[in-house]
C-alpha atoms as a PDB file:
ATOM      1  CA  MET A   1     -13.033  -4.190-101.928  1.00  0.00           C
ATOM      2  CA  TRP A   2     -10.401  -6.984-102.882  1.00  0.00           C
ATOM      3  CA  GLU A   3      -7.713  -4.182-103.182  1.00  0.00           C
ATOM      4  CA  LEU A   4      -8.601  -2.839 -99.463  1.00  0.00           C
ATOM      5  CA  VAL A   5      -8.146  -6.633 -98.298  1.00  0.00           C
ATOM      6  CA  LYS A   6      -4.929  -6.995-100.053  1.00  0.00           C
ATOM      7  CA  ALA A   7      -3.689  -3.686 -98.714  1.00  0.00           C
ATOM      8  CA  GLY A   8      -4.262  -4.573 -95.207  1.00  0.00           C
ATOM      9  CA  GLY A   9      -2.104  -7.480 -95.102  1.00  0.00           C
ATOM     10  CA  TRP A  10      -2.382 -10.975 -93.524  1.00  0.00           C
ATOM     11  CA  LEU A  11      -4.339  -9.779 -90.578  1.00  0.00           C
ATOM     12  CA  MET A  12      -7.470  -8.950 -92.787  1.00  0.00           C
ATOM     13  CA  LEU A  13      -8.029 -12.850 -93.285  1.00  0.00           C
ATOM     14  CA  PRO A  14      -9.062 -13.348 -89.822  1.00  0.00           C
ATOM     15  CA  LEU A  15     -11.012 -10.054 -89.817  1.00  0.00           C
ATOM     16  CA  VAL A  16     -12.925 -11.473 -93.035  1.00  0.00           C
ATOM     17  CA  LEU A  17     -13.590 -14.597 -91.114  1.00  0.00           C
ATOM     18  CA  CYS A  18     -14.774 -12.804 -88.334  1.00  0.00           C
ATOM     19  CA  SER A  19     -17.200 -10.941 -90.439  1.00  0.00           C
ATOM     20  CA  ILE A  20     -18.501 -14.105 -92.046  1.00  0.00           C
ATOM     21  CA  PHE A  21     -19.134 -15.729 -88.569  1.00  0.00           C
ATOM     22  CA  THR A  22     -20.907 -12.412 -87.669  1.00  0.00           C
ATOM     23  CA  VAL A  23     -23.404 -12.483 -90.382  1.00  0.00           C
ATOM     24  CA  ALA A  24     -23.995 -16.125 -90.316  1.00  0.00           C
ATOM     25  CA  ILE A  25     -24.792 -16.190 -86.576  1.00  0.00           C
ATOM     26  CA  THR A  26     -26.839 -12.950 -86.674  1.00  0.00           C
ATOM     27  CA  ILE A  27     -28.835 -14.396 -89.558  1.00  0.00           C
ATOM     28  CA  GLU A  28     -29.382 -17.751 -87.885  1.00  0.00           C
ATOM     29  CA  ARG A  29     -30.404 -16.342 -84.774  1.00  0.00           C
ATOM     30  CA  PHE A  30     -32.859 -14.040 -86.328  1.00  0.00           C
ATOM     31  CA  ILE A  31     -34.532 -17.058 -87.739  1.00  0.00           C
ATOM     32  CA  ARG A  32     -33.968 -19.367 -84.710  1.00  0.00           C
ATOM     33  CA  LEU A  33     -35.502 -16.849 -82.273  1.00  0.00           C
ATOM     34  CA  LYS A  34     -38.792 -16.015 -83.936  1.00  0.00           C
ATOM     35  CA  LYS A  35     -41.407 -15.555 -81.218  1.00  0.00           C
ATOM     36  CA  SER A  36     -43.701 -17.941 -83.118  1.00  0.00           C
ATOM     37  CA  MET A  37     -41.142 -20.568 -82.614  1.00  0.00           C
ATOM     38  CA  ILE A  38     -40.434 -19.884 -78.980  1.00  0.00           C
ATOM     39  CA  LEU A  39     -43.780 -18.808 -77.280  1.00  0.00           C
ATOM     40  CA  PRO A  40     -46.789 -19.525 -79.919  1.00  0.00           C
ATOM     41  CA  LYS A  41     -49.714 -17.370 -79.042  1.00  0.00           C
ATOM     42  CA  VAL A  42     -52.053 -20.219 -79.126  1.00  0.00           C
ATOM     43  CA  LEU A  43     -50.101 -22.093 -76.308  1.00  0.00           C
ATOM     44  CA  LEU A  44     -49.994 -19.073 -73.842  1.00  0.00           C
ATOM     45  CA  LEU A  45     -52.032 -19.687 -70.876  1.00  0.00           C
ATOM     46  CA  ASN A  46     -54.542 -16.881 -70.049  1.00  0.00           C
ATOM     47  CA  SER A  47     -57.913 -16.598 -68.232  1.00  0.00           C
ATOM     48  CA  ALA A  48     -59.624 -17.627 -71.804  1.00  0.00           C
ATOM     49  CA  GLN A  49     -58.257 -21.018 -71.795  1.00  0.00           C
ATOM     50  CA  ASN A  50     -57.186 -24.031 -69.615  1.00  0.00           C
ATOM     51  CA  THR A  51     -54.479 -26.908 -69.929  1.00  0.00           C
ATOM     52  CA  ASP A  52     -56.976 -29.150 -71.695  1.00  0.00           C
ATOM     53  CA  ALA A  53     -57.465 -26.519 -74.681  1.00  0.00           C
ATOM     54  CA  VAL A  54     -53.763 -26.073 -74.878  1.00  0.00           C
ATOM     55  CA  MET A  55     -52.887 -29.605 -74.834  1.00  0.00           C
ATOM     56  CA  GLN A  56     -55.589 -30.414 -77.337  1.00  0.00           C
ATOM     57  CA  GLN A  57     -54.169 -28.013 -79.865  1.00  0.00           C
ATOM     58  CA  LEU A  58     -50.631 -29.060 -78.880  1.00  0.00           C
ATOM     59  CA  GLN A  59     -51.263 -32.575 -79.670  1.00  0.00           C
ATOM     60  CA  GLN A  60     -52.941 -31.943 -82.986  1.00  0.00           C
ATOM     61  CA  ASP A  61     -50.020 -29.642 -84.412  1.00  0.00           C
ATOM     62  CA  GLN A  62     -46.657 -30.900 -84.904  1.00  0.00           C
ATOM     63  CA  ALA A  63     -45.370 -27.133 -85.320  1.00  0.00           C
ATOM     64  CA  LEU A  64     -46.497 -26.366 -81.879  1.00  0.00           C
ATOM     65  CA  GLN A  65     -44.708 -29.397 -80.661  1.00  0.00           C
ATOM     66  CA  ALA A  66     -41.598 -28.419 -82.000  1.00  0.00           C
ATOM     67  CA  SER A  67     -41.758 -25.127 -80.272  1.00  0.00           C
ATOM     68  CA  THR A  68     -39.850 -24.256 -77.129  1.00  0.00           C
ATOM     69  CA  LEU A  69     -42.944 -23.867 -74.877  1.00  0.00           C
ATOM     70  CA  GLY A  70     -44.521 -26.830 -76.639  1.00  0.00           C
ATOM     71  CA  ARG A  71     -41.586 -29.050 -75.660  1.00  0.00           C
ATOM     72  CA  ILE A  72     -41.805 -27.946 -71.992  1.00  0.00           C
ATOM     73  CA  PHE A  73     -45.727 -28.476 -71.914  1.00  0.00           C
ATOM     74  CA  MET A  74     -45.457 -31.938 -73.316  1.00  0.00           C
ATOM     75  CA  ALA A  75     -42.604 -32.757 -70.825  1.00  0.00           C
ATOM     76  CA  GLY A  76     -45.032 -31.812 -68.023  1.00  0.00           C
ATOM     77  CA  TYR A  77     -48.082 -33.284 -69.364  1.00  0.00           C
ATOM     78  CA  GLN A  78     -46.520 -36.665 -70.102  1.00  0.00           C
ATOM     79  CA  SER A  79     -45.497 -36.794 -66.386  1.00  0.00           C
ATOM     80  CA  LYS A  80     -48.962 -35.742 -64.994  1.00  0.00           C
ATOM     81  CA  ASN A  81     -49.764 -39.274 -63.639  1.00  0.00           C
ATOM     82  CA  GLN A  82     -46.584 -38.970 -61.569  1.00  0.00           C
ATOM     83  CA  ASN A  83     -46.407 -36.754 -58.407  1.00  0.00           C
ATOM     84  CA  GLN A  84     -45.877 -32.999 -58.749  1.00  0.00           C
ATOM     85  CA  GLN A  85     -42.070 -33.210 -57.957  1.00  0.00           C
ATOM     86  CA  PHE A  86     -41.371 -35.588 -60.723  1.00  0.00           C
ATOM     87  CA  ALA A  87     -43.222 -33.516 -63.481  1.00  0.00           C
ATOM     88  CA  ARG A  88     -41.573 -30.281 -62.308  1.00  0.00           C
ATOM     89  CA  ALA A  89     -38.297 -31.985 -62.580  1.00  0.00           C
ATOM     90  CA  GLN A  90     -38.965 -33.206 -66.218  1.00  0.00           C
ATOM     91  CA  MET A  91     -40.031 -29.538 -67.109  1.00  0.00           C
ATOM     92  CA  GLU A  92     -37.245 -27.891 -65.617  1.00  0.00           C
ATOM     93  CA  THR A  93     -34.750 -30.592 -67.405  1.00  0.00           C
ATOM     94  CA  THR A  94     -36.426 -29.808 -70.822  1.00  0.00           C
ATOM     95  CA  ALA A  95     -36.425 -26.206 -70.286  1.00  0.00           C
ATOM     96  CA  SER A  96     -32.729 -26.005 -69.405  1.00  0.00           C
ATOM     97  CA  GLN A  97     -32.080 -28.006 -72.677  1.00  0.00           C
ATOM     98  CA  GLU A  98     -34.194 -25.423 -74.631  1.00  0.00           C
ATOM     99  CA  ILE A  99     -32.773 -22.515 -72.836  1.00  0.00           C
ATOM    100  CA  GLY A 100     -29.180 -23.818 -74.114  1.00  0.00           C
ATOM    101  CA  TYR A 101     -30.503 -24.057 -77.522  1.00  0.00           C
ATOM    102  CA  LEU A 102     -31.743 -20.403 -77.384  1.00  0.00           C
ATOM    103  CA  GLU A 103     -28.336 -19.032 -76.124  1.00  0.00           C
ATOM    104  CA  LYS A 104     -26.446 -20.834 -78.853  1.00  0.00           C
ATOM    105  CA  ASN A 105     -23.630 -18.968 -80.488  1.00  0.00           C
ATOM    106  CA  ILE A 106     -24.732 -15.805 -78.748  1.00  0.00           C
ATOM    107  CA  ASN A 107     -21.559 -15.755 -76.434  1.00  0.00           C
ATOM    108  CA  PHE A 108     -19.514 -16.384 -79.575  1.00  0.00           C
ATOM    109  CA  LEU A 109     -20.936 -13.498 -81.140  1.00  0.00           C
ATOM    110  CA  GLY A 110     -19.947 -11.525 -78.348  1.00  0.00           C
ATOM    111  CA  THR A 111     -16.274 -12.787 -78.476  1.00  0.00           C
ATOM    112  CA  LEU A 112     -16.473 -11.743 -82.208  1.00  0.00           C
ATOM    113  CA  SER A 113     -17.247  -8.083 -81.072  1.00  0.00           C
ATOM    114  CA  ALA A 114     -14.340  -8.184 -78.630  1.00  0.00           C
ATOM    115  CA  VAL A 115     -11.882  -9.745 -80.775  1.00  0.00           C
ATOM    116  CA  ALA A 116     -12.371  -7.824 -83.983  1.00  0.00           C
ATOM    117  CA  PRO A 117     -11.161  -4.383 -82.742  1.00  0.00           C
ATOM    118  CA  LEU A 118      -8.271  -6.205 -81.043  1.00  0.00           C
ATOM    119  CA  LEU A 119      -7.321  -7.804 -84.449  1.00  0.00           C
ATOM    120  CA  GLY A 120      -7.528  -4.272 -85.984  1.00  0.00           C
ATOM    121  CA  LEU A 121      -5.205  -2.684 -83.226  1.00  0.00           C
ATOM    122  CA  LEU A 122      -2.584  -5.368 -83.751  1.00  0.00           C
ATOM    123  CA  GLY A 123      -2.790  -4.439 -87.567  1.00  0.00           C
ATOM    124  CA  THR A 124      -2.016  -0.695 -86.545  1.00  0.00           C
ATOM    125  CA  VAL A 125       0.709  -1.593 -84.435  1.00  0.00           C
ATOM    126  CA  LEU A 126       2.298  -3.777 -86.919  1.00  0.00           C
ATOM    127  CA  GLY A 127       1.590  -1.296 -89.842  1.00  0.00           C
ATOM    128  CA  ILE A 128       3.362   1.570 -87.883  1.00  0.00           C
ATOM    129  CA  ILE A 129       6.288  -0.873 -86.992  1.00  0.00           C
ATOM    130  CA  GLU A 130       6.598  -1.645 -90.709  1.00  0.00           C
ATOM    131  CA  SER A 131       6.531   1.963 -91.551  1.00  0.00           C
ATOM    132  CA  PHE A 132       9.519   3.091 -89.287  1.00  0.00           C
ATOM    133  CA  LEU A 133      11.371   0.007 -90.142  1.00  0.00           C
ATOM    134  CA  VAL A 134      11.333   1.024 -93.850  1.00  0.00           C
ATOM    135  CA  ILE A 135      12.718   4.265 -92.961  1.00  0.00           C
ATOM    136  CA  ASP A 136      15.431   3.104 -90.637  1.00  0.00           C
ATOM    137  CA  LEU A 137      16.611   0.138 -93.047  1.00  0.00           C
ATOM    138  CA  GLY A 138      16.135   2.472 -96.233  1.00  0.00           C
ATOM    139  CA  THR A 139      18.989   3.885 -98.035  1.00  0.00           C
ATOM    140  CA  ASN A 140      17.231   7.356 -97.818  1.00  0.00           C
ATOM    141  CA  SER A 141      14.685   8.863 -95.487  1.00  0.00           C
ATOM    142  CA  ASN A 142      11.855   9.459 -97.783  1.00  0.00           C
ATOM    143  CA  PRO A 143       8.685   9.740 -95.925  1.00  0.00           C
ATOM    144  CA  THR A 144       6.517   8.467 -98.728  1.00  0.00           C
ATOM    145  CA  LEU A 145       8.011   5.062 -97.926  1.00  0.00           C
ATOM    146  CA  MET A 146       6.061   4.964 -94.890  1.00  0.00           C
ATOM    147  CA  ILE A 147       2.881   5.099 -96.697  1.00  0.00           C
ATOM    148  CA  PRO A 148       1.962   1.429 -97.246  1.00  0.00           C
ATOM    149  CA  GLY A 149       2.588   0.633 -93.468  1.00  0.00           C
ATOM    150  CA  ILE A 150       0.489   3.530 -92.486  1.00  0.00           C
ATOM    151  CA  SER A 151      -2.356   2.545 -94.949  1.00  0.00           C
ATOM    152  CA  LYS A 152      -2.130  -1.162 -93.743  1.00  0.00           C
ATOM    153  CA  ALA A 153      -2.409   0.284 -89.995  1.00  0.00           C
ATOM    154  CA  LEU A 154      -5.669   2.332 -90.943  1.00  0.00           C
ATOM    155  CA  ILE A 155      -7.420  -0.386 -93.299  1.00  0.00           C
ATOM    156  CA  THR A 156      -7.172  -2.973 -90.346  1.00  0.00           C
ATOM    157  CA  THR A 157      -8.210  -0.519 -87.503  1.00  0.00           C
ATOM    158  CA  ALA A 158     -11.299   0.496 -89.828  1.00  0.00           C
ATOM    159  CA  ALA A 159     -12.091  -3.178 -90.614  1.00  0.00           C
ATOM    160  CA  GLY A 160     -12.108  -4.289 -86.896  1.00  0.00           C
ATOM    161  CA  MET A 161     -14.420  -1.357 -85.877  1.00  0.00           C
ATOM    162  CA  PHE A 162     -16.590  -2.049 -88.846  1.00  0.00           C
ATOM    163  CA  ILE A 163     -17.233  -5.857 -87.672  1.00  0.00           C
ATOM    164  CA  ALA A 164     -16.972  -5.055 -83.997  1.00  0.00           C
ATOM    165  CA  ILE A 165     -19.896  -2.390 -83.845  1.00  0.00           C
ATOM    166  CA  PRO A 166     -22.837  -4.603 -85.549  1.00  0.00           C
ATOM    167  CA  ALA A 167     -21.559  -7.839 -83.913  1.00  0.00           C
ATOM    168  CA  LEU A 168     -21.747  -5.837 -80.390  1.00  0.00           C
ATOM    169  CA  PHE A 169     -25.276  -4.587 -81.457  1.00  0.00           C
ATOM    170  CA  ALA A 170     -26.498  -7.941 -82.435  1.00  0.00           C
ATOM    171  CA  TYR A 171     -25.025  -9.555 -79.291  1.00  0.00           C
ATOM    172  CA  ARG A 172     -26.781  -7.189 -76.899  1.00  0.00           C
ATOM    173  CA  TYR A 173     -29.888  -7.575 -78.732  1.00  0.00           C
ATOM    174  CA  PHE A 174     -30.036 -11.448 -78.878  1.00  0.00           C
ATOM    175  CA  GLN A 175     -28.868 -11.320 -75.215  1.00  0.00           C
ATOM    176  CA  ARG A 176     -31.671  -9.086 -73.964  1.00  0.00           C
ATOM    177  CA  LEU A 177     -34.417 -10.945 -76.279  1.00  0.00           C
ATOM    178  CA  VAL A 178     -33.378 -14.586 -74.660  1.00  0.00           C
ATOM    179  CA  GLN A 179     -33.702 -13.091 -71.285  1.00  0.00           C
ATOM    180  CA  GLU A 180     -37.307 -11.948 -72.102  1.00  0.00           C
ATOM    181  CA  TYR A 181     -38.078 -15.214 -73.490  1.00  0.00           C
ATOM    182  CA  ILE A 182     -36.566 -17.042 -70.599  1.00  0.00           C
ATOM    183  CA  ALA A 183     -38.747 -14.963 -68.121  1.00  0.00           C
ATOM    184  CA  GLU A 184     -41.901 -15.528 -70.173  1.00  0.00           C
ATOM    185  CA  LEU A 185     -41.119 -19.508 -70.324  1.00  0.00           C
ATOM    186  CA  GLU A 186     -40.627 -19.587 -66.622  1.00  0.00           C
ATOM    187  CA  GLN A 187     -43.985 -17.755 -66.154  1.00  0.00           C
ATOM    188  CA  GLN A 188     -45.883 -20.054 -68.563  1.00  0.00           C
ATOM    189  CA  SER A 189     -44.151 -23.201 -67.167  1.00  0.00           C
ATOM    190  CA  THR A 190     -45.515 -22.352 -63.578  1.00  0.00           C
ATOM    191  CA  LEU A 191     -48.887 -21.803 -64.617  1.00  0.00           C
ATOM    192  CA  PHE A 192     -48.973 -24.843 -66.726  1.00  0.00           C
ATOM    193  CA  HIS A 193     -47.823 -27.134 -63.661  1.00  0.00           C
ATOM    194  CA  ALA A 194     -50.034 -25.366 -61.212  1.00  0.00           C
ATOM    195  CA  ALA A 195     -53.075 -25.725 -63.439  1.00  0.00           C
ATOM    196  CA  LEU A 196     -52.301 -29.130 -64.292  1.00  0.00           C
ATOM    197  CA  PHE A 197     -52.056 -30.796 -61.029  1.00  0.00           C
ATOM    198  CA  TYR A 198     -54.939 -28.403 -59.550  1.00  0.00           C
ATOM    199  CA  GLN A 199     -57.042 -29.732 -62.327  1.00  0.00           C
ATOM    200  CA  ASN A 200     -56.015 -33.305 -61.845  1.00  0.00           C
ATOM    201  CA  SER A 201     -56.800 -33.017 -57.882  1.00  0.00           C
ATOM    202  CA  THR A 202     -60.188 -31.348 -58.656  1.00  0.00           C
ATOM    203  CA  ASP A 203     -61.190 -34.358 -61.188  1.00  0.00           C
ATOM    204  CA  GLU A 204     -60.100 -36.803 -58.487  1.00  0.00           C
ATOM    205  CA  GLU A 205     -62.187 -35.283 -56.079  1.00  0.00           C
ATOM    206  CA  GLN A 206     -65.140 -35.182 -58.053  1.00  0.00           C
ATOM    207  CA  ASP A 207     -64.684 -38.866 -58.996  1.00  0.00           C
ATOM    208  CA  ILE A 208     -64.600 -39.559 -55.328  1.00  0.00           C
ATOM    209  CA  ARG A 209     -68.013 -37.553 -54.658  1.00  0.00           C
ATOM    210  CA  LYS A 210     -69.549 -39.435 -57.292  1.00  0.00           C
ATOM    211  CA  ALA A 211     -68.581 -42.663 -56.319  1.00  0.00           C
ATOM    212  CA  GLY A 212     -69.925 -41.822 -52.536  1.00  0.00           C
END
């Protein structure tokens, strides 16, 4: 492997860096974008549980509070004594921050998938130029003198494609995954906000009736 890197010339250095970044970002995103850390099942609102049950579990579990959906719910719940607009604004602000964390480094992964083949193509061009310069400047026209330049061109091209293909697959996968998470977060946040204030208004009406 090291011999191939040496044979590819100086352009192999940025290509190796691209491969390291690609692997590191892919692993980090796989760990960070686990569904249990974004949308814990116990927090998902459905007909079987209400906001009180959800908040009771959320307040008792630090891991749930650290989840993406948990932080959004906490932002709304802590503002329940304010008006609906204020609570919605707090939830939207928290959601925007959380979405930023979900999308972190994904665009960079897409950039790597575009840059790697361009670096490989640049290596191809430079290798071919080097091959012809050797023939032009040499004392003889032995075609074997072109072999190092041609091998450099082929190695950098292969390296660029080898990096770009998995990087592009990872970029598309994480991009789609984040979009699915965002859609689910928006749905759950809307349900939570509606249930929270509907329940508060219902409780207030019951208190008024009891007082009357």
